[in-house]
C-alpha atoms as a PDB file:
ATOM      1  CA  MET A   1      15.791 -23.978  21.545  1.00  0.00           C
ATOM      2  CA  SER A   2      17.174 -24.064  17.783  1.00  0.00           C
ATOM      3  CA  GLY A   3      15.204 -23.503  15.089  1.00  0.00           C
ATOM      4  CA  ILE A   4      12.513 -21.457  16.872  1.00  0.00           C
ATOM      5  CA  ILE A   5      12.371 -18.200  15.495  1.00  0.00           C
ATOM      6  CA  TYR A   6      11.252 -15.222  16.964  1.00  0.00           C
ATOM      7  CA  ASP A   7       9.187 -12.210  15.150  1.00  0.00           C
ATOM      8  CA  THR A   8      10.020  -9.117  17.528  1.00  0.00           C
ATOM      9  CA  SER A   9       8.628  -7.061  15.011  1.00  0.00           C
ATOM     10  CA  LYS A  10       5.846  -5.899  16.633  1.00  0.00           C
ATOM     11  CA  ILE A  11       8.175  -5.326  19.985  1.00  0.00           C
ATOM     12  CA  LYS A  12       9.981  -3.058  17.685  1.00  0.00           C
ATOM     13  CA  ALA A  13       7.069  -1.092  16.791  1.00  0.00           C
ATOM     14  CA  CYS A  14       5.754  -0.850  20.165  1.00  0.00           C
ATOM     15  CA  GLU A  15       8.793   0.662  21.460  1.00  0.00           C
ATOM     16  CA  GLY A  16       9.367   2.926  18.314  1.00  0.00           C
ATOM     17  CA  PHE A  17       5.517   3.895  18.920  1.00  0.00           C
ATOM     18  CA  TYR A  18       5.959   4.567  22.693  1.00  0.00           C
ATOM     19  CA  ALA A  19       9.090   5.946  21.847  1.00  0.00           C
ATOM     20  CA  ILE A  20       7.219   8.843  19.975  1.00  0.00           C
ATOM     21  CA  CYS A  21       3.817   9.252  22.072  1.00  0.00           C
ATOM     22  CA  ASP A  22       6.545  10.220  24.858  1.00  0.00           C
ATOM     23  CA  TYR A  23       8.392  12.702  23.194  1.00  0.00           C
ATOM     24  CA  ALA A  24       4.631  13.659  21.658  1.00  0.00           C
ATOM     25  CA  GLU A  25       4.087  14.847  25.568  1.00  0.00           C
ATOM     26  CA  PHE A  26       1.068  12.281  25.013  1.00  0.00           C
ATOM     27  CA  ASP A  27      -0.398  11.002  28.247  1.00  0.00           C
ATOM     28  CA  LYS A  28       0.082   7.295  29.234  1.00  0.00           C
ATOM     29  CA  GLN A  29      -3.732   6.528  29.664  1.00  0.00           C
ATOM     30  CA  TRP A  30      -3.980   8.248  25.773  1.00  0.00           C
ATOM     31  CA  THR A  31      -1.188   6.299  24.648  1.00  0.00           C
ATOM     32  CA  ASP A  32      -1.927   2.884  25.891  1.00  0.00           C
ATOM     33  CA  GLU A  33      -5.370   4.064  24.329  1.00  0.00           C
ATOM     34  CA  LEU A  34      -4.500   4.171  20.715  1.00  0.00           C
ATOM     35  CA  TRP A  35      -1.834   1.426  21.073  1.00  0.00           C
ATOM     36  CA  LYS A  36      -4.288  -0.953  21.532  1.00  0.00           C
ATOM     37  CA  ASP A  37      -7.061   0.833  18.975  1.00  0.00           C
ATOM     38  CA  VAL A  38      -3.941   0.545  16.662  1.00  0.00           C
ATOM     39  CA  LEU A  39      -3.599  -2.830  17.497  1.00  0.00           C
ATOM     40  CA  THR A  40      -7.040  -4.026  16.619  1.00  0.00           C
ATOM     41  CA  HIS A  41      -7.106  -3.060  13.152  1.00  0.00           C
ATOM     42  CA  PRO A  42      -4.454  -4.618  10.693  1.00  0.00           C
ATOM     43  CA  PRO A  43      -4.752  -2.092   8.334  1.00  0.00           C
ATOM     44  CA  ILE A  44      -3.847   0.737  10.393  1.00  0.00           C
ATOM     45  CA  TYR A  45      -1.419  -0.847  12.304  1.00  0.00           C
ATOM     46  CA  GLU A  46       0.547  -1.628   8.501  1.00  0.00           C
ATOM     47  CA  GLU A  47       0.367   2.017   8.102  1.00  0.00           C
ATOM     48  CA  LEU A  48       1.879   3.146  11.747  1.00  0.00           C
ATOM     49  CA  VAL A  49       4.385   0.386  10.903  1.00  0.00           C
ATOM     50  CA  TYR A  50       5.195   1.722   7.637  1.00  0.00           C
ATOM     51  CA  TYR A  51       5.516   5.645   9.156  1.00  0.00           C
ATOM     52  CA  LEU A  52       8.108   4.390  11.797  1.00  0.00           C
ATOM     53  CA  GLU A  53       9.958   2.868   9.395  1.00  0.00           C
ATOM     54  CA  HIS A  54      10.048   5.702   7.107  1.00  0.00           C
ATOM     55  CA  HIS A  55       8.725   8.713   8.917  1.00  0.00           C
ATOM     56  CA  THR A  56       5.974   9.120   5.935  1.00  0.00           C
ATOM     57  CA  PHE A  57       2.136   8.144   4.937  1.00  0.00           C
ATOM     58  CA  ARG A  58       2.163   4.748   2.445  1.00  0.00           C
ATOM     59  CA  ASP A  59      -1.113   6.180   2.468  1.00  0.00           C
ATOM     60  CA  LYS A  60      -2.557   2.279   1.734  1.00  0.00           C
ATOM     61  CA  VAL A  61      -5.612   3.282   3.635  1.00  0.00           C
ATOM     62  CA  LYS A  62      -8.170   5.350   3.050  1.00  0.00           C
ATOM     63  CA  ILE A  63     -12.187   6.718   4.786  1.00  0.00           C
ATOM     64  CA  GLU A  64     -14.239   8.144   2.674  1.00  0.00           C
ATOM     65  CA  GLY A  65     -11.357   8.950   0.327  1.00  0.00           C
ATOM     66  CA  TYR A  66      -9.125  10.597   3.601  1.00  0.00           C
ATOM     67  CA  SER A  67      -5.693   9.223   3.848  1.00  0.00           C
ATOM     68  CA  LEU A  68      -3.631   9.842   7.187  1.00  0.00           C
ATOM     69  CA  SER A  69      -1.487  12.206   5.137  1.00  0.00           C
ATOM     70  CA  ASP A  70      -5.421  14.026   4.679  1.00  0.00           C
ATOM     71  CA  LEU A  71      -6.020  13.593   8.880  1.00  0.00           C
ATOM     72  CA  TYR A  72      -2.025  15.201   8.887  1.00  0.00           C
ATOM     73  CA  VAL A  73      -3.537  18.308   7.426  1.00  0.00           C
ATOM     74  CA  PHE A  74      -6.375  18.743   9.358  1.00  0.00           C
ATOM     75  CA  GLN A  75      -4.687  18.783  12.369  1.00  0.00           C
ATOM     76  CA  MET A  76      -1.934  20.885  10.803  1.00  0.00           C
ATOM     77  CA  ASP A  77      -4.637  23.570  10.009  1.00  0.00           C
ATOM     78  CA  LYS A  78      -6.447  22.945  13.672  1.00  0.00           C
ATOM     79  CA  TYR A  79      -3.017  24.276  15.203  1.00  0.00           C
ATOM     80  CA  ASN A  80      -2.761  26.810  12.844  1.00  0.00           C
ATOM     81  CA  LEU A  81      -5.745  28.102  14.364  1.00  0.00           C
ATOM     82  CA  VAL A  82      -5.120  27.515  17.928  1.00  0.00           C
ATOM     83  CA  ARG A  83      -1.743  29.033  17.400  1.00  0.00           C
ATOM     84  CA  GLU A  84      -3.794  32.165  15.490  1.00  0.00           C
ATOM     85  CA  ILE A  85      -5.634  32.728  18.739  1.00  0.00           C
ATOM     86  CA  GLY A  86      -2.429  33.003  21.297  1.00  0.00           C
ATOM     87  CA  LYS A  87      -2.601  29.541  22.316  1.00  0.00           C
ATOM     88  CA  ASN A  88       0.783  27.327  23.856  1.00  0.00           C
ATOM     89  CA  PRO A  89       2.004  26.574  20.555  1.00  0.00           C
ATOM     90  CA  ARG A  90       4.869  23.676  23.115  1.00  0.00           C
ATOM     91  CA  SER A  91       1.733  22.200  22.843  1.00  0.00           C
ATOM     92  CA  CYS A  92       2.013  20.802  18.853  1.00  0.00           C
ATOM     93  CA  ASN A  93       4.559  19.228  17.313  1.00  0.00           C
ATOM     94  CA  LYS A  94       5.085  17.586  13.897  1.00  0.00           C
ATOM     95  CA  GLU A  95       4.974  13.469  16.069  1.00  0.00           C
ATOM     96  CA  ARG A  96       2.013  14.691  18.075  1.00  0.00           C
ATOM     97  CA  MET A  97      -0.178  15.478  14.657  1.00  0.00           C
ATOM     98  CA  VAL A  98       0.590  12.563  13.474  1.00  0.00           C
ATOM     99  CA  MET A  99       0.049  10.472  16.674  1.00  0.00           C
ATOM    100  CA  ARG A 100      -3.711  12.358  16.360  1.00  0.00           C
ATOM    101  CA  ALA A 101      -4.051  11.366  12.634  1.00  0.00           C
ATOM    102  CA  PHE A 102      -4.504   7.784  13.397  1.00  0.00           C
ATOM    103  CA  ARG A 103      -6.249   8.744  16.238  1.00  0.00           C
ATOM    104  CA  THR A 104      -8.631  10.083  13.976  1.00  0.00           C
ATOM    105  CA  MET A 105      -8.671   7.323  11.556  1.00  0.00           C
ATOM    106  CA  LEU A 106      -9.392   5.176  14.308  1.00  0.00           C
ATOM    107  CA  ASP A 107     -12.229   7.066  15.544  1.00  0.00           C
ATOM    108  CA  MET A 108     -13.413   7.715  11.643  1.00  0.00           C
ATOM    109  CA  GLN A 109     -13.776   4.326  11.108  1.00  0.00           C
ATOM    110  CA  GLU A 110     -16.945   4.270  13.731  1.00  0.00           C
ATOM    111  CA  ASN A 111     -18.621   7.776  12.358  1.00  0.00           C
ATOM    112  CA  PRO A 112     -17.372   8.214   8.665  1.00  0.00           C
ATOM    113  CA  ALA A 113     -19.765  11.404   8.745  1.00  0.00           C
ATOM    114  CA  GLU A 114     -19.158  13.112  11.424  1.00  0.00           C
ATOM    115  CA  TYR A 115     -15.541  13.081   9.941  1.00  0.00           C
ATOM    116  CA  VAL A 116     -16.251  14.037   6.187  1.00  0.00           C
ATOM    117  CA  LYS A 117     -18.353  16.843   7.712  1.00  0.00           C
ATOM    118  CA  ARG A 118     -15.715  18.279   9.547  1.00  0.00           C
ATOM    119  CA  LEU A 119     -13.289  18.277   6.983  1.00  0.00           C
ATOM    120  CA  LYS A 120     -15.274  19.292   4.583  1.00  0.00           C
ATOM    121  CA  GLU A 121     -15.989  22.672   6.401  1.00  0.00           C
ATOM    122  CA  GLY A 122     -12.375  23.094   6.875  1.00  0.00           C
ATOM    123  CA  ARG A 123     -11.281  25.085  10.202  1.00  0.00           C
ATOM    124  CA  GLY A 124     -13.511  28.142  10.975  1.00  0.00           C
ATOM    125  CA  GLU A 125     -12.278  30.542  11.816  1.00  0.00           C
ATOM    126  CA  ASP A 126     -15.063  31.277  14.646  1.00  0.00           C
ATOM    127  CA  ARG A 127     -14.895  27.841  16.281  1.00  0.00           C
ATOM    128  CA  LEU A 128     -12.395  24.988  17.172  1.00  0.00           C
END
């Protein structure tokens, strides 16, 4: 098979993605669903590949002006609220919040108004 070039970039991205989700202790169903959704949104897939390679956000994709960095900060803020009321902080780590930011970005594409409202309201001390 000389002359055939194989592109293994998606395989490497998939392996990296699943390794992060495993480290973040997401179950297989949640991880599979996120991977499927990422693959069907090429700009978000590119963001994921960039994150896997650099462990930072490129922030090229924006929805209603919000980037992955904004959604990551939103996840961090939610964690701080949970931690303050005594819930288990073990469930929260950087990679977990990153993957949740990707999930939120994908969901936000479907219903931006709902997520913009949540982001603008802030964490709210009296609600989760």
